[in-house]
Amino acid sequence: MFEVLYQTDIMLLLKWIPFAFPCKLCAVTKVTKNSFDTRHSRASKPFEEIHMDIVGPICPLSREGHRYFLTIVDSCNQYSSTIPVKSKGDVSEVIAQAFEPFYKTPVSISAFGMNC
């Protein structure tokens, strides 16, 4: 009933299966980065330092079609926010909209463990 596939059979089969090529943005974001410096001191004022990260892709999608979440944490008071994002390409617009109500721009932004 069931046949055993040997490694050589699997390799031949894989040559004939069409694979989707990863997008350039996905390849760039999967590059390994250095971990965040643990000797770092906490900011003394709100909006002095903000930490951000993208979580996703998630499956299943949200009802509104969001595949990612942007997480934002203020280093001073630990205020955190999670914002749904439909695609990685929308992240910069979502960040701008997130800070617009505060009429401020963070002094330092840490994204993916790197200071920007």
C-alpha atoms as a PDB file:
ATOM      1  CA  MET A   1       0.000   0.000   0.000  1.00  0.00           C
ATOM      2  CA  PHE A   2       2.682   2.522   0.990  1.00  0.00           C
ATOM      3  CA  GLU A   3       6.021   2.613  -0.734  1.00  0.00           C
ATOM      4  CA  VAL A   4       9.261   3.746   0.819  1.00  0.00           C
ATOM      5  CA  LEU A   5      10.906   6.765  -0.774  1.00  0.00           C
ATOM      6  CA  TYR A   6      14.646   6.627  -0.641  1.00  0.00           C
ATOM      7  CA  GLN A   7      16.807   9.734  -0.425  1.00  0.00           C
ATOM      8  CA  THR A   8      17.821   9.467  -4.090  1.00  0.00           C
ATOM      9  CA  ASP A   9      14.136   9.292  -5.085  1.00  0.00           C
ATOM     10  CA  ILE A  10      13.361  12.359  -2.980  1.00  0.00           C
ATOM     11  CA  MET A  11      16.239  14.311  -4.551  1.00  0.00           C
ATOM     12  CA  LEU A  12      14.985  13.458  -8.054  1.00  0.00           C
ATOM     13  CA  LEU A  13      11.445  14.434  -7.069  1.00  0.00           C
ATOM     14  CA  LEU A  14      12.589  17.774  -5.640  1.00  0.00           C
ATOM     15  CA  LYS A  15      14.234  18.694  -8.948  1.00  0.00           C
ATOM     16  CA  TRP A  16      10.830  18.595 -10.672  1.00  0.00           C
ATOM     17  CA  ILE A  17       8.769  20.437  -8.030  1.00  0.00           C
ATOM     18  CA  PRO A  18       8.508  24.170  -8.750  1.00  0.00           C
ATOM     19  CA  PHE A  19       9.464  26.225  -5.708  1.00  0.00           C
ATOM     20  CA  ALA A  20       8.569  29.843  -5.093  1.00  0.00           C
ATOM     21  CA  PHE A  21      11.621  32.071  -4.868  1.00  0.00           C
ATOM     22  CA  PRO A  22      11.808  34.102  -1.645  1.00  0.00           C
ATOM     23  CA  CYS A  23      11.400  37.839  -2.032  1.00  0.00           C
ATOM     24  CA  LYS A  24      14.429  40.078  -1.512  1.00  0.00           C
ATOM     25  CA  LEU A  25      12.843  41.737   1.556  1.00  0.00           C
ATOM     26  CA  CYS A  26      12.344  38.338   3.258  1.00  0.00           C
ATOM     27  CA  ALA A  27      15.950  37.345   2.564  1.00  0.00           C
ATOM     28  CA  VAL A  28      17.297  40.624   3.963  1.00  0.00           C
ATOM     29  CA  THR A  29      15.244  40.419   7.168  1.00  0.00           C
ATOM     30  CA  LYS A  30      16.384  36.857   7.891  1.00  0.00           C
ATOM     31  CA  VAL A  31      20.063  37.865   8.067  1.00  0.00           C
ATOM     32  CA  THR A  32      21.521  37.106  11.504  1.00  0.00           C
ATOM     33  CA  LYS A  33      22.256  40.195  13.563  1.00  0.00           C
ATOM     34  CA  ASN A  34      24.219  40.754  16.756  1.00  0.00           C
ATOM     35  CA  SER A  35      22.302  40.532  20.014  1.00  0.00           C
ATOM     36  CA  PHE A  36      21.352  43.648  21.913  1.00  0.00           C
ATOM     37  CA  ASP A  37      24.021  44.977  24.301  1.00  0.00           C
ATOM     38  CA  THR A  38      23.040  43.885  27.845  1.00  0.00           C
ATOM     39  CA  ARG A  39      25.136  46.648  29.466  1.00  0.00           C
ATOM     40  CA  HIS A  40      22.640  49.187  28.195  1.00  0.00           C
ATOM     41  CA  SER A  41      21.099  51.630  30.692  1.00  0.00           C
ATOM     42  CA  ARG A  42      17.417  52.530  30.591  1.00  0.00           C
ATOM     43  CA  ALA A  43      16.379  55.880  29.086  1.00  0.00           C
ATOM     44  CA  SER A  44      15.680  58.704  31.546  1.00  0.00           C
ATOM     45  CA  LYS A  45      12.753  60.311  29.639  1.00  0.00           C
ATOM     46  CA  PRO A  46       9.827  58.910  27.633  1.00  0.00           C
ATOM     47  CA  PHE A  47      10.518  58.795  23.874  1.00  0.00           C
ATOM     48  CA  GLU A  48      14.256  58.999  24.508  1.00  0.00           C
ATOM     49  CA  GLU A  49      14.666  55.398  23.353  1.00  0.00           C
ATOM     50  CA  ILE A  50      12.146  53.149  21.620  1.00  0.00           C
ATOM     51  CA  HIS A  51      12.541  49.417  20.872  1.00  0.00           C
ATOM     52  CA  MET A  52      10.663  47.951  17.901  1.00  0.00           C
ATOM     53  CA  ASP A  53      10.318  44.548  16.297  1.00  0.00           C
ATOM     54  CA  ILE A  54       8.204  42.874  13.630  1.00  0.00           C
ATOM     55  CA  VAL A  55       6.466  39.618  14.580  1.00  0.00           C
ATOM     56  CA  GLY A  56       5.284  37.323  11.816  1.00  0.00           C
ATOM     57  CA  PRO A  57       4.229  36.154   9.411  1.00  0.00           C
ATOM     58  CA  ILE A  58       1.367  34.714  11.398  1.00  0.00           C
ATOM     59  CA  CYS A  59      -0.984  32.030  10.194  1.00  0.00           C
ATOM     60  CA  PRO A  60      -3.927  32.219  10.001  1.00  0.00           C
ATOM     61  CA  LEU A  61      -4.264  35.873   9.026  1.00  0.00           C
ATOM     62  CA  SER A  62      -6.364  38.200  11.148  1.00  0.00           C
ATOM     63  CA  ARG A  63      -9.936  38.892  10.002  1.00  0.00           C
ATOM     64  CA  GLU A  64      -8.719  42.141   8.443  1.00  0.00           C
ATOM     65  CA  GLY A  65      -5.872  40.371   6.593  1.00  0.00           C
ATOM     66  CA  HIS A  66      -2.970  41.350   8.859  1.00  0.00           C
ATOM     67  CA  ARG A  67       0.033  39.043   8.558  1.00  0.00           C
ATOM     68  CA  TYR A  68       2.502  40.856  10.869  1.00  0.00           C
ATOM     69  CA  PHE A  69       2.548  42.804  14.142  1.00  0.00           C
ATOM     70  CA  LEU A  70       4.782  45.752  14.981  1.00  0.00           C
ATOM     71  CA  THR A  71       5.743  45.789  18.671  1.00  0.00           C
ATOM     72  CA  ILE A  72       6.919  49.053  20.238  1.00  0.00           C
ATOM     73  CA  VAL A  73       8.345  49.399  23.780  1.00  0.00           C
ATOM     74  CA  ASP A  74       9.457  52.666  25.422  1.00  0.00           C
ATOM     75  CA  SER A  75      12.702  52.040  27.327  1.00  0.00           C
ATOM     76  CA  CYS A  76      11.920  54.634  30.036  1.00  0.00           C
ATOM     77  CA  ASN A  77       8.465  53.623  31.248  1.00  0.00           C
ATOM     78  CA  GLN A  78       8.086  50.209  29.555  1.00  0.00           C
ATOM     79  CA  TYR A  79       4.941  51.427  27.746  1.00  0.00           C
ATOM     80  CA  SER A  80       4.242  48.886  25.026  1.00  0.00           C
ATOM     81  CA  SER A  81       2.051  48.803  21.973  1.00  0.00           C
ATOM     82  CA  THR A  82       1.283  46.187  19.339  1.00  0.00           C
ATOM     83  CA  ILE A  83       0.057  47.335  15.936  1.00  0.00           C
ATOM     84  CA  PRO A  84      -1.236  44.970  13.216  1.00  0.00           C
ATOM     85  CA  VAL A  85       0.475  45.287   9.814  1.00  0.00           C
ATOM     86  CA  LYS A  86      -0.702  43.717   6.539  1.00  0.00           C
ATOM     87  CA  SER A  87       2.718  43.465   4.852  1.00  0.00           C
ATOM     88  CA  LYS A  88       6.375  44.236   5.591  1.00  0.00           C
ATOM     89  CA  GLY A  89       6.248  47.001   3.017  1.00  0.00           C
ATOM     90  CA  ASP A  90       3.703  48.881   5.167  1.00  0.00           C
ATOM     91  CA  VAL A  91       5.938  49.036   8.268  1.00  0.00           C
ATOM     92  CA  SER A  92       7.466  52.497   7.698  1.00  0.00           C
ATOM     93  CA  GLU A  93       4.024  54.042   7.170  1.00  0.00           C
ATOM     94  CA  VAL A  94       2.685  52.311  10.304  1.00  0.00           C
ATOM     95  CA  ILE A  95       5.646  53.612  12.359  1.00  0.00           C
ATOM     96  CA  ALA A  96       5.023  57.179  11.159  1.00  0.00           C
ATOM     97  CA  GLN A  97       1.319  56.879  12.040  1.00  0.00           C
ATOM     98  CA  ALA A  98       2.158  55.419  15.470  1.00  0.00           C
ATOM     99  CA  PHE A  99       4.277  58.437  16.488  1.00  0.00           C
ATOM    100  CA  GLU A 100       2.114  61.124  14.858  1.00  0.00           C
ATOM    101  CA  PRO A 101      -0.304  61.607  17.829  1.00  0.00           C
ATOM    102  CA  PHE A 102       2.624  62.299  20.178  1.00  0.00           C
ATOM    103  CA  TYR A 103       4.121  65.068  17.995  1.00  0.00           C
ATOM    104  CA  LYS A 104       7.531  63.681  18.914  1.00  0.00           C
ATOM    105  CA  THR A 105      10.279  61.680  17.309  1.00  0.00           C
ATOM    106  CA  PRO A 106      12.316  59.247  19.435  1.00  0.00           C
ATOM    107  CA  VAL A 107      15.951  60.188  20.039  1.00  0.00           C
ATOM    108  CA  SER A 108      17.050  56.566  19.577  1.00  0.00           C
ATOM    109  CA  ILE A 109      15.270  53.656  17.918  1.00  0.00           C
ATOM    110  CA  SER A 110      16.383  50.075  18.438  1.00  0.00           C
ATOM    111  CA  ALA A 111      15.069  47.652  15.844  1.00  0.00           C
ATOM    112  CA  PHE A 112      15.882  43.945  15.722  1.00  0.00           C
ATOM    113  CA  GLY A 113      18.578  44.385  18.354  1.00  0.00           C
ATOM    114  CA  MET A 114      20.429  47.087  16.406  1.00  0.00           C
ATOM    115  CA  ASN A 115      20.563  50.802  17.257  1.00  0.00           C
ATOM    116  CA  CYS A 116      19.380  52.958  14.356  1.00  0.00           C
END
